Amino acid sequence: MAIPAPQIQAMRKRLTGRAKLTVSKNNLLRIALKEAAGKKTGLDGLVDVVADQTAVVTAEMNPFRLFKEMEATKTKAPARGGERAPEDLWVREGDTPFKPGPIVGELQKAGVPAAIERGKVVIKKDKLLVKAGERIPRETAQVLTRLEIFPLIVGLDLRGVYEAGTVFRRDVLSVDDARVRADLSLASGHALNLAVFVGYPSKATIRPLLSTAFRRGLALAMESGFPTKESVKFLLAKAQAQALALAAMAPGPAEETKKDAT
């Protein structure tokens, strides 16, 4: 779908100071890329991504940042009819902003289960109007627009980016930040656990290693009865507990008298 001129201008405005957007004919772009490849090795790798309506974006930022900037310029747009639905298009149960009138018939004609209740036009239940990939009928497109449902995404898809001799394709640039951060956090945790387990000292592991060494040293001192500043209170407590246990096992005065009388 061709991008309307107002959207192109809006993209240029959004990218002002960060990137430059240039629209040209595809044949001219292919020729320019092939000629420029003589000075920029690998630049001709962009030739095969020139198709349909194509623009060139030049920027002083890394490919991944540029990809995100371009995705941010995309906007929702109403359907006119005939376009393929990018996803399942639903209308949801509930009130509408419309007053009773001809709109009810228009909605029903487009397949929307509309009715009048309490002086309002309402949608009686959720309804799937167009499945993903199907063409949007003109009547349905008009109803979706009136319901302020804009199913189309208007913007430039960044198909390829050239940097330092390498062409990055869209599937490489489309990165889920949250997933990457989660994976890095998980990998960092595993690496820390492994480093502590093997006793590898580093800025991140030195505290847990010292803590583990202290606990093991204290346990060894307790087991061997070796007094230190840290172990002496535990040794005294252990000795007291052993003394009390021994005292409990010793015969009392009454038992000793009974044995003497016998």
C-alpha atoms as a PDB file:
ATOM      1  CA  MET A   1       0.000   0.000   0.000  1.00  0.00           C
ATOM      2  CA  ALA A   2       1.388   3.374  -1.002  1.00  0.00           C
ATOM      3  CA  ILE A   3       2.012   5.748   1.874  1.00  0.00           C
ATOM      4  CA  PRO A   4       0.037   9.008   1.562  1.00  0.00           C
ATOM      5  CA  ALA A   5       2.057  12.215   1.285  1.00  0.00           C
ATOM      6  CA  PRO A   6       0.875  13.594   4.670  1.00  0.00           C
ATOM      7  CA  GLN A   7       2.256  10.509   6.447  1.00  0.00           C
ATOM      8  CA  ILE A   8       5.570  10.849   4.591  1.00  0.00           C
ATOM      9  CA  GLN A   9       5.822  14.466   5.729  1.00  0.00           C
ATOM     10  CA  ALA A  10       4.960  13.466   9.306  1.00  0.00           C
ATOM     11  CA  MET A  11       7.755  10.868   9.245  1.00  0.00           C
ATOM     12  CA  ARG A  12      10.258  13.409   7.963  1.00  0.00           C
ATOM     13  CA  LYS A  13       9.262  15.828  10.700  1.00  0.00           C
ATOM     14  CA  ARG A  14       9.606  13.175  13.403  1.00  0.00           C
ATOM     15  CA  LEU A  15      13.050  12.170  12.135  1.00  0.00           C
ATOM     16  CA  THR A  16      14.335  15.753  11.823  1.00  0.00           C
ATOM     17  CA  GLY A  17      17.814  16.045  13.312  1.00  0.00           C
ATOM     18  CA  ARG A  18      18.188  12.280  13.645  1.00  0.00           C
ATOM     19  CA  ALA A  19      17.730  10.881  10.156  1.00  0.00           C
ATOM     20  CA  LYS A  20      17.074  12.010   6.588  1.00  0.00           C
ATOM     21  CA  LEU A  21      14.365  10.418   4.471  1.00  0.00           C
ATOM     22  CA  THR A  22      14.709  10.466   0.665  1.00  0.00           C
ATOM     23  CA  VAL A  23      12.161   8.970  -1.724  1.00  0.00           C
ATOM     24  CA  SER A  24      13.306   8.004  -5.232  1.00  0.00           C
ATOM     25  CA  LYS A  25      12.496   5.689  -8.113  1.00  0.00           C
ATOM     26  CA  ASN A  26      13.566   2.101  -7.594  1.00  0.00           C
ATOM     27  CA  ASN A  27      15.638   1.875 -10.787  1.00  0.00           C
ATOM     28  CA  LEU A  28      17.623   4.961  -9.802  1.00  0.00           C
ATOM     29  CA  LEU A  29      18.188   3.561  -6.312  1.00  0.00           C
ATOM     30  CA  ARG A  30      19.498   0.261  -7.668  1.00  0.00           C
ATOM     31  CA  ILE A  31      21.899   2.033 -10.032  1.00  0.00           C
ATOM     32  CA  ALA A  32      23.111   4.353  -7.261  1.00  0.00           C
ATOM     33  CA  LEU A  33      23.694   1.463  -4.841  1.00  0.00           C
ATOM     34  CA  LYS A  34      25.682  -0.539  -7.395  1.00  0.00           C
ATOM     35  CA  GLU A  35      27.863   2.449  -8.258  1.00  0.00           C
ATOM     36  CA  ALA A  36      28.412   3.389  -4.606  1.00  0.00           C
ATOM     37  CA  ALA A  37      29.438  -0.207  -3.838  1.00  0.00           C
ATOM     38  CA  GLY A  38      32.756   0.566  -5.532  1.00  0.00           C
ATOM     39  CA  LYS A  39      33.620   2.822  -2.597  1.00  0.00           C
ATOM     40  CA  LYS A  40      31.554   1.136   0.118  1.00  0.00           C
ATOM     41  CA  THR A  41      32.161  -2.607   0.103  1.00  0.00           C
ATOM     42  CA  GLY A  42      28.958  -4.602   0.546  1.00  0.00           C
ATOM     43  CA  LEU A  43      26.597  -1.706  -0.141  1.00  0.00           C
ATOM     44  CA  ASP A  44      25.219  -3.543  -3.168  1.00  0.00           C
ATOM     45  CA  GLY A  45      23.712  -6.003  -0.674  1.00  0.00           C
ATOM     46  CA  LEU A  46      20.843  -3.528  -0.363  1.00  0.00           C
ATOM     47  CA  VAL A  47      19.921  -3.821  -4.043  1.00  0.00           C
ATOM     48  CA  ASP A  48      17.669  -6.840  -3.554  1.00  0.00           C
ATOM     49  CA  VAL A  49      15.598  -5.111  -0.850  1.00  0.00           C
ATOM     50  CA  VAL A  50      14.563  -2.328  -3.228  1.00  0.00           C
ATOM     51  CA  ALA A  51      10.969  -3.158  -4.141  1.00  0.00           C
ATOM     52  CA  ASP A  52       7.515  -1.582  -4.162  1.00  0.00           C
ATOM     53  CA  GLN A  53       7.613   1.943  -2.737  1.00  0.00           C
ATOM     54  CA  THR A  54      11.145   2.466  -1.421  1.00  0.00           C
ATOM     55  CA  ALA A  55      12.901   5.268   0.405  1.00  0.00           C
ATOM     56  CA  VAL A  56      16.469   5.736   1.606  1.00  0.00           C
ATOM     57  CA  VAL A  57      17.098   6.689   5.224  1.00  0.00           C
ATOM     58  CA  THR A  58      20.514   8.028   6.206  1.00  0.00           C
ATOM     59  CA  ALA A  59      21.382   8.445   9.868  1.00  0.00           C
ATOM     60  CA  GLU A  60      24.243   8.605  12.355  1.00  0.00           C
ATOM     61  CA  MET A  61      22.949   5.834  14.606  1.00  0.00           C
ATOM     62  CA  ASN A  62      23.402   2.087  14.893  1.00  0.00           C
ATOM     63  CA  PRO A  63      21.085  -0.179  12.848  1.00  0.00           C
ATOM     64  CA  PHE A  64      19.082  -1.384  15.841  1.00  0.00           C
ATOM     65  CA  ARG A  65      18.397   2.123  17.098  1.00  0.00           C
ATOM     66  CA  LEU A  66      17.414   3.209  13.585  1.00  0.00           C
ATOM     67  CA  PHE A  67      15.014   0.273  13.336  1.00  0.00           C
ATOM     68  CA  LYS A  68      13.270   1.357  16.531  1.00  0.00           C
ATOM     69  CA  GLU A  69      13.106   4.960  15.362  1.00  0.00           C
ATOM     70  CA  MET A  70      11.472   3.880  12.110  1.00  0.00           C
ATOM     71  CA  GLU A  71       8.984   1.621  13.885  1.00  0.00           C
ATOM     72  CA  ALA A  72       8.040   4.566  16.109  1.00  0.00           C
ATOM     73  CA  THR A  73       7.047   6.621  13.046  1.00  0.00           C
ATOM     74  CA  LYS A  74       4.305   4.170  12.107  1.00  0.00           C
ATOM     75  CA  THR A  75       0.724   5.275  12.665  1.00  0.00           C
ATOM     76  CA  LYS A  76      -2.744   3.730  12.603  1.00  0.00           C
ATOM     77  CA  ALA A  77      -4.847   4.476   9.540  1.00  0.00           C
ATOM     78  CA  PRO A  78      -8.456   3.773   8.533  1.00  0.00           C
ATOM     79  CA  ALA A  79      -9.293   1.192   5.901  1.00  0.00           C
ATOM     80  CA  ARG A  80     -10.962   2.343   2.692  1.00  0.00           C
ATOM     81  CA  GLY A  81     -11.978  -1.081   1.481  1.00  0.00           C
ATOM     82  CA  GLY A  82     -10.098  -3.685  -0.505  1.00  0.00           C
ATOM     83  CA  GLU A  83      -7.057  -3.849   1.787  1.00  0.00           C
ATOM     84  CA  ARG A  84      -6.089  -7.103   3.457  1.00  0.00           C
ATOM     85  CA  ALA A  85      -6.692  -7.177   7.197  1.00  0.00           C
ATOM     86  CA  PRO A  86      -3.360  -7.321   9.068  1.00  0.00           C
ATOM     87  CA  GLU A  87      -5.105  -9.153  11.934  1.00  0.00           C
ATOM     88  CA  ASP A  88      -8.555 -10.365  12.950  1.00  0.00           C
ATOM     89  CA  LEU A  89     -10.876  -7.355  13.062  1.00  0.00           C
ATOM     90  CA  TRP A  90     -13.408  -7.450  15.899  1.00  0.00           C
ATOM     91  CA  VAL A  91     -16.088  -5.158  17.209  1.00  0.00           C
ATOM     92  CA  ARG A  92     -16.676  -5.566  20.922  1.00  0.00           C
ATOM     93  CA  GLU A  93     -19.885  -5.734  22.922  1.00  0.00           C
ATOM     94  CA  GLY A  94     -20.893  -2.473  24.574  1.00  0.00           C
ATOM     95  CA  ASP A  95     -22.178   1.054  24.083  1.00  0.00           C
ATOM     96  CA  THR A  96     -21.360   3.172  21.043  1.00  0.00           C
ATOM     97  CA  PRO A  97     -21.236   6.991  20.814  1.00  0.00           C
ATOM     98  CA  PHE A  98     -24.110   6.991  18.307  1.00  0.00           C
ATOM     99  CA  LYS A  99     -27.664   8.173  18.849  1.00  0.00           C
ATOM    100  CA  PRO A 100     -30.530   6.089  17.439  1.00  0.00           C
ATOM    101  CA  GLY A 101     -30.940   6.596  13.713  1.00  0.00           C
ATOM    102  CA  PRO A 102     -29.861   5.249  10.314  1.00  0.00           C
ATOM    103  CA  ILE A 103     -26.510   4.233  11.811  1.00  0.00           C
ATOM    104  CA  VAL A 104     -28.180   1.118  13.247  1.00  0.00           C
ATOM    105  CA  GLY A 105     -29.014  -0.153   9.776  1.00  0.00           C
ATOM    106  CA  GLU A 106     -25.512   0.668   8.511  1.00  0.00           C
ATOM    107  CA  LEU A 107     -23.945  -1.302  11.335  1.00  0.00           C
ATOM    108  CA  GLN A 108     -26.257  -4.267  10.820  1.00  0.00           C
ATOM    109  CA  LYS A 109     -25.590  -4.248   7.062  1.00  0.00           C
ATOM    110  CA  ALA A 110     -21.868  -4.584   7.790  1.00  0.00           C
ATOM    111  CA  GLY A 111     -22.551  -7.543  10.060  1.00  0.00           C
ATOM    112  CA  VAL A 112     -22.383  -5.700  13.380  1.00  0.00           C
ATOM    113  CA  PRO A 113     -25.052  -6.942  15.846  1.00  0.00           C
ATOM    114  CA  ALA A 114     -26.320  -3.451  16.706  1.00  0.00           C
ATOM    115  CA  ALA A 115     -29.518  -2.519  18.533  1.00  0.00           C
ATOM    116  CA  ILE A 116     -31.083   0.357  20.451  1.00  0.00           C
ATOM    117  CA  GLU A 117     -31.202   0.097  24.237  1.00  0.00           C
ATOM    118  CA  ARG A 118     -31.938   2.824  26.785  1.00  0.00           C
ATOM    119  CA  GLY A 119     -31.840   5.439  24.052  1.00  0.00           C
ATOM    120  CA  LYS A 120     -28.382   4.385  22.862  1.00  0.00           C
ATOM    121  CA  VAL A 121     -26.987   2.340  20.013  1.00  0.00           C
ATOM    122  CA  VAL A 122     -25.237  -0.693  21.469  1.00  0.00           C
ATOM    123  CA  ILE A 123     -23.357  -3.687  20.102  1.00  0.00           C
ATOM    124  CA  LYS A 124     -25.023  -6.778  21.534  1.00  0.00           C
ATOM    125  CA  LYS A 125     -22.018  -9.103  21.438  1.00  0.00           C
ATOM    126  CA  ASP A 126     -18.454  -9.428  20.203  1.00  0.00           C
ATOM    127  CA  LYS A 127     -18.329  -9.985  16.460  1.00  0.00           C
ATOM    128  CA  LEU A 128     -15.462 -10.964  14.135  1.00  0.00           C
ATOM    129  CA  LEU A 129     -15.956  -8.908  10.983  1.00  0.00           C
ATOM    130  CA  VAL A 130     -12.857  -9.762   8.949  1.00  0.00           C
ATOM    131  CA  LYS A 131     -10.288 -12.510   9.456  1.00  0.00           C
ATOM    132  CA  ALA A 132      -6.584 -11.774   9.155  1.00  0.00           C
ATOM    133  CA  GLY A 133      -5.482 -11.865   5.512  1.00  0.00           C
ATOM    134  CA  GLU A 134      -8.965 -11.361   4.089  1.00  0.00           C
ATOM    135  CA  ARG A 135      -9.857  -8.250   2.122  1.00  0.00           C
ATOM    136  CA  ILE A 136     -11.866  -5.650   4.001  1.00  0.00           C
ATOM    137  CA  PRO A 137     -15.225  -4.920   2.298  1.00  0.00           C
ATOM    138  CA  ARG A 138     -15.959  -1.259   1.630  1.00  0.00           C
ATOM    139  CA  GLU A 139     -19.078  -1.251   3.843  1.00  0.00           C
ATOM    140  CA  THR A 140     -17.106  -2.812   6.684  1.00  0.00           C
ATOM    141  CA  ALA A 141     -14.285  -0.298   6.247  1.00  0.00           C
ATOM    142  CA  GLN A 142     -16.750   2.583   6.568  1.00  0.00           C
ATOM    143  CA  VAL A 143     -18.263   1.113   9.729  1.00  0.00           C
ATOM    144  CA  LEU A 144     -14.852   0.487  11.267  1.00  0.00           C
ATOM    145  CA  THR A 145     -13.909   4.103  10.632  1.00  0.00           C
ATOM    146  CA  ARG A 146     -17.113   5.357  12.250  1.00  0.00           C
ATOM    147  CA  LEU A 147     -16.351   3.148  15.258  1.00  0.00           C
ATOM    148  CA  GLU A 148     -12.842   4.652  15.312  1.00  0.00           C
ATOM    149  CA  ILE A 149     -11.242   1.298  14.582  1.00  0.00           C
ATOM    150  CA  PHE A 150      -8.205   1.936  12.388  1.00  0.00           C
ATOM    151  CA  PRO A 151      -6.846  -1.467  11.318  1.00  0.00           C
ATOM    152  CA  LEU A 152      -4.042  -0.425   8.990  1.00  0.00           C
ATOM    153  CA  ILE A 153      -0.480   0.429   9.977  1.00  0.00           C
ATOM    154  CA  VAL A 154       1.034   3.156   7.819  1.00  0.00           C
ATOM    155  CA  GLY A 155       4.784   3.539   7.806  1.00  0.00           C
ATOM    156  CA  LEU A 156       8.071   2.401   6.352  1.00  0.00           C
ATOM    157  CA  ASP A 157       9.315  -1.140   6.935  1.00  0.00           C
ATOM    158  CA  LEU A 158      13.072  -1.047   7.346  1.00  0.00           C
ATOM    159  CA  ARG A 159      14.090  -3.926   5.055  1.00  0.00           C
ATOM    160  CA  GLY A 160      17.843  -3.552   5.327  1.00  0.00           C
ATOM    161  CA  VAL A 161      20.521  -1.373   6.923  1.00  0.00           C
ATOM    162  CA  TYR A 162      24.138  -0.996   5.830  1.00  0.00           C
ATOM    163  CA  GLU A 163      26.876  -0.360   8.384  1.00  0.00           C
ATOM    164  CA  ALA A 164      30.632  -0.942   8.147  1.00  0.00           C
ATOM    165  CA  GLY A 165      30.429  -3.404   5.261  1.00  0.00           C
ATOM    166  CA  THR A 166      27.532  -5.440   6.671  1.00  0.00           C
ATOM    167  CA  VAL A 167      23.875  -5.445   5.627  1.00  0.00           C
ATOM    168  CA  PHE A 168      21.456  -6.136   8.471  1.00  0.00           C
ATOM    169  CA  ARG A 169      18.074  -7.520   7.413  1.00  0.00           C
ATOM    170  CA  ARG A 170      14.753  -6.861   9.117  1.00  0.00           C
ATOM    171  CA  ASP A 171      14.571 -10.263  10.823  1.00  0.00           C
ATOM    172  CA  VAL A 172      17.878  -9.511  12.559  1.00  0.00           C
ATOM    173  CA  LEU A 173      16.943  -5.961  13.548  1.00  0.00           C
ATOM    174  CA  SER A 174      13.546  -6.876  14.977  1.00  0.00           C
ATOM    175  CA  VAL A 175      14.649  -7.564  18.542  1.00  0.00           C
ATOM    176  CA  ASP A 176      12.392  -7.978  21.570  1.00  0.00           C
ATOM    177  CA  ASP A 177      14.118  -5.788  24.161  1.00  0.00           C
ATOM    178  CA  ALA A 178      12.290  -7.322  27.118  1.00  0.00           C
ATOM    179  CA  ARG A 179      13.222 -10.843  26.046  1.00  0.00           C
ATOM    180  CA  VAL A 180      16.861  -9.903  25.458  1.00  0.00           C
ATOM    181  CA  ARG A 181      17.080  -8.278  28.895  1.00  0.00           C
ATOM    182  CA  ALA A 182      15.508 -11.360  30.484  1.00  0.00           C
ATOM    183  CA  ASP A 183      17.941 -13.670  28.659  1.00  0.00           C
ATOM    184  CA  LEU A 184      20.917 -11.532  29.701  1.00  0.00           C
ATOM    185  CA  SER A 185      19.739 -11.488  33.310  1.00  0.00           C
ATOM    186  CA  LEU A 186      19.328 -15.269  33.301  1.00  0.00           C
ATOM    187  CA  ALA A 187      22.753 -15.803  31.706  1.00  0.00           C
ATOM    188  CA  SER A 188      24.336 -13.421  34.212  1.00  0.00           C
ATOM    189  CA  GLY A 189      22.799 -15.342  37.100  1.00  0.00           C
ATOM    190  CA  HIS A 190      24.034 -18.676  35.737  1.00  0.00           C
ATOM    191  CA  ALA A 191      27.532 -17.271  35.198  1.00  0.00           C
ATOM    192  CA  LEU A 192      27.644 -15.897  38.753  1.00  0.00           C
ATOM    193  CA  ASN A 193      26.529 -19.219  40.223  1.00  0.00           C
ATOM    194  CA  LEU A 194      29.151 -21.092  38.201  1.00  0.00           C
ATOM    195  CA  ALA A 195      31.924 -18.661  39.205  1.00  0.00           C
ATOM    196  CA  VAL A 196      31.017 -19.002  42.887  1.00  0.00           C
ATOM    197  CA  PHE A 197      30.822 -22.796  42.588  1.00  0.00           C
ATOM    198  CA  VAL A 198      34.330 -23.099  41.093  1.00  0.00           C
ATOM    199  CA  GLY A 199      35.739 -20.401  43.384  1.00  0.00           C
ATOM    200  CA  TYR A 200      36.624 -17.932  40.625  1.00  0.00           C
ATOM    201  CA  PRO A 201      37.306 -14.502  42.190  1.00  0.00           C
ATOM    202  CA  SER A 202      35.945 -11.376  40.497  1.00  0.00           C
ATOM    203  CA  LYS A 203      34.314  -8.104  41.462  1.00  0.00           C
ATOM    204  CA  ALA A 204      30.901  -9.774  41.344  1.00  0.00           C
ATOM    205  CA  THR A 205      31.867 -12.991  43.164  1.00  0.00           C
ATOM    206  CA  ILE A 206      34.286 -11.833  45.854  1.00  0.00           C
ATOM    207  CA  ARG A 207      31.589 -11.114  48.459  1.00  0.00           C
ATOM    208  CA  PRO A 208      29.773 -14.461  48.162  1.00  0.00           C
ATOM    209  CA  LEU A 209      33.153 -16.272  48.014  1.00  0.00           C
ATOM    210  CA  LEU A 210      34.338 -14.575  51.223  1.00  0.00           C
ATOM    211  CA  SER A 211      31.000 -15.314  52.865  1.00  0.00           C
ATOM    212  CA  THR A 212      31.245 -18.993  51.898  1.00  0.00           C
ATOM    213  CA  ALA A 213      34.857 -19.190  53.079  1.00  0.00           C
ATOM    214  CA  PHE A 214      33.909 -17.600  56.420  1.00  0.00           C
ATOM    215  CA  ARG A 215      31.081 -20.076  57.002  1.00  0.00           C
ATOM    216  CA  ARG A 216      33.301 -23.037  56.145  1.00  0.00           C
ATOM    217  CA  GLY A 217      36.126 -21.744  58.354  1.00  0.00           C
ATOM    218  CA  LEU A 218      33.762 -21.224  61.265  1.00  0.00           C
ATOM    219  CA  ALA A 219      32.315 -24.714  60.819  1.00  0.00           C
ATOM    220  CA  LEU A 220      35.839 -26.200  60.800  1.00  0.00           C
ATOM    221  CA  ALA A 221      36.808 -24.272  63.953  1.00  0.00           C
ATOM    222  CA  MET A 222      33.664 -25.490  65.684  1.00  0.00           C
ATOM    223  CA  GLU A 223      34.269 -29.085  64.661  1.00  0.00           C
ATOM    224  CA  SER A 224      37.914 -29.071  65.781  1.00  0.00           C
ATOM    225  CA  GLY A 225      37.303 -26.980  68.913  1.00  0.00           C
ATOM    226  CA  PHE A 226      39.747 -24.294  67.780  1.00  0.00           C
ATOM    227  CA  PRO A 227      39.029 -20.998  69.570  1.00  0.00           C
ATOM    228  CA  THR A 228      38.909 -17.782  67.542  1.00  0.00           C
ATOM    229  CA  LYS A 229      37.219 -14.421  68.001  1.00  0.00           C
ATOM    230  CA  GLU A 230      34.274 -15.650  65.947  1.00  0.00           C
ATOM    231  CA  SER A 231      34.089 -19.254  67.198  1.00  0.00           C
ATOM    232  CA  VAL A 232      34.678 -18.844  70.925  1.00  0.00           C
ATOM    233  CA  LYS A 233      31.094 -17.912  71.797  1.00  0.00           C
ATOM    234  CA  PHE A 234      29.798 -20.910  69.864  1.00  0.00           C
ATOM    235  CA  LEU A 235      32.374 -23.180  71.521  1.00  0.00           C
ATOM    236  CA  LEU A 236      31.360 -21.920  74.976  1.00  0.00           C
ATOM    237  CA  ALA A 237      27.693 -22.460  74.152  1.00  0.00           C
ATOM    238  CA  LYS A 238      28.495 -25.952  72.901  1.00  0.00           C
ATOM    239  CA  ALA A 239      30.501 -26.717  76.053  1.00  0.00           C
ATOM    240  CA  GLN A 240      27.668 -25.469  78.249  1.00  0.00           C
ATOM    241  CA  ALA A 241      25.152 -27.603  76.386  1.00  0.00           C
ATOM    242  CA  GLN A 242      27.384 -30.664  76.745  1.00  0.00           C
ATOM    243  CA  ALA A 243      27.851 -29.951  80.484  1.00  0.00           C
ATOM    244  CA  LEU A 244      24.115 -29.686  81.008  1.00  0.00           C
ATOM    245  CA  ALA A 245      23.545 -32.900  79.110  1.00  0.00           C
ATOM    246  CA  LEU A 246      26.189 -34.650  81.211  1.00  0.00           C
ATOM    247  CA  ALA A 247      24.660 -33.304  84.420  1.00  0.00           C
ATOM    248  CA  ALA A 248      21.278 -34.597  83.376  1.00  0.00           C
ATOM    249  CA  MET A 249      22.737 -38.074  82.899  1.00  0.00           C
ATOM    250  CA  ALA A 250      24.478 -38.124  86.341  1.00  0.00           C
ATOM    251  CA  PRO A 251      22.588 -39.866  89.247  1.00  0.00           C
ATOM    252  CA  GLY A 252      20.822 -37.543  91.713  1.00  0.00           C
ATOM    253  CA  PRO A 253      21.377 -37.491  95.562  1.00  0.00           C
ATOM    254  CA  ALA A 254      18.370 -39.727  96.252  1.00  0.00           C
ATOM    255  CA  GLU A 255      19.662 -42.407  93.942  1.00  0.00           C
ATOM    256  CA  GLU A 256      23.133 -42.300  95.556  1.00  0.00           C
ATOM    257  CA  THR A 257      21.624 -42.680  99.117  1.00  0.00           C
ATOM    258  CA  LYS A 258      19.519 -45.610  97.993  1.00  0.00           C
ATOM    259  CA  LYS A 259      22.547 -47.350  96.544  1.00  0.00           C
ATOM    260  CA  ASP A 260      24.566 -46.785  99.797  1.00  0.00           C
ATOM    261  CA  ALA A 261      21.741 -48.248 101.931  1.00  0.00           C
ATOM    262  CA  THR A 262      21.664 -51.355  99.836  1.00  0.00           C
END
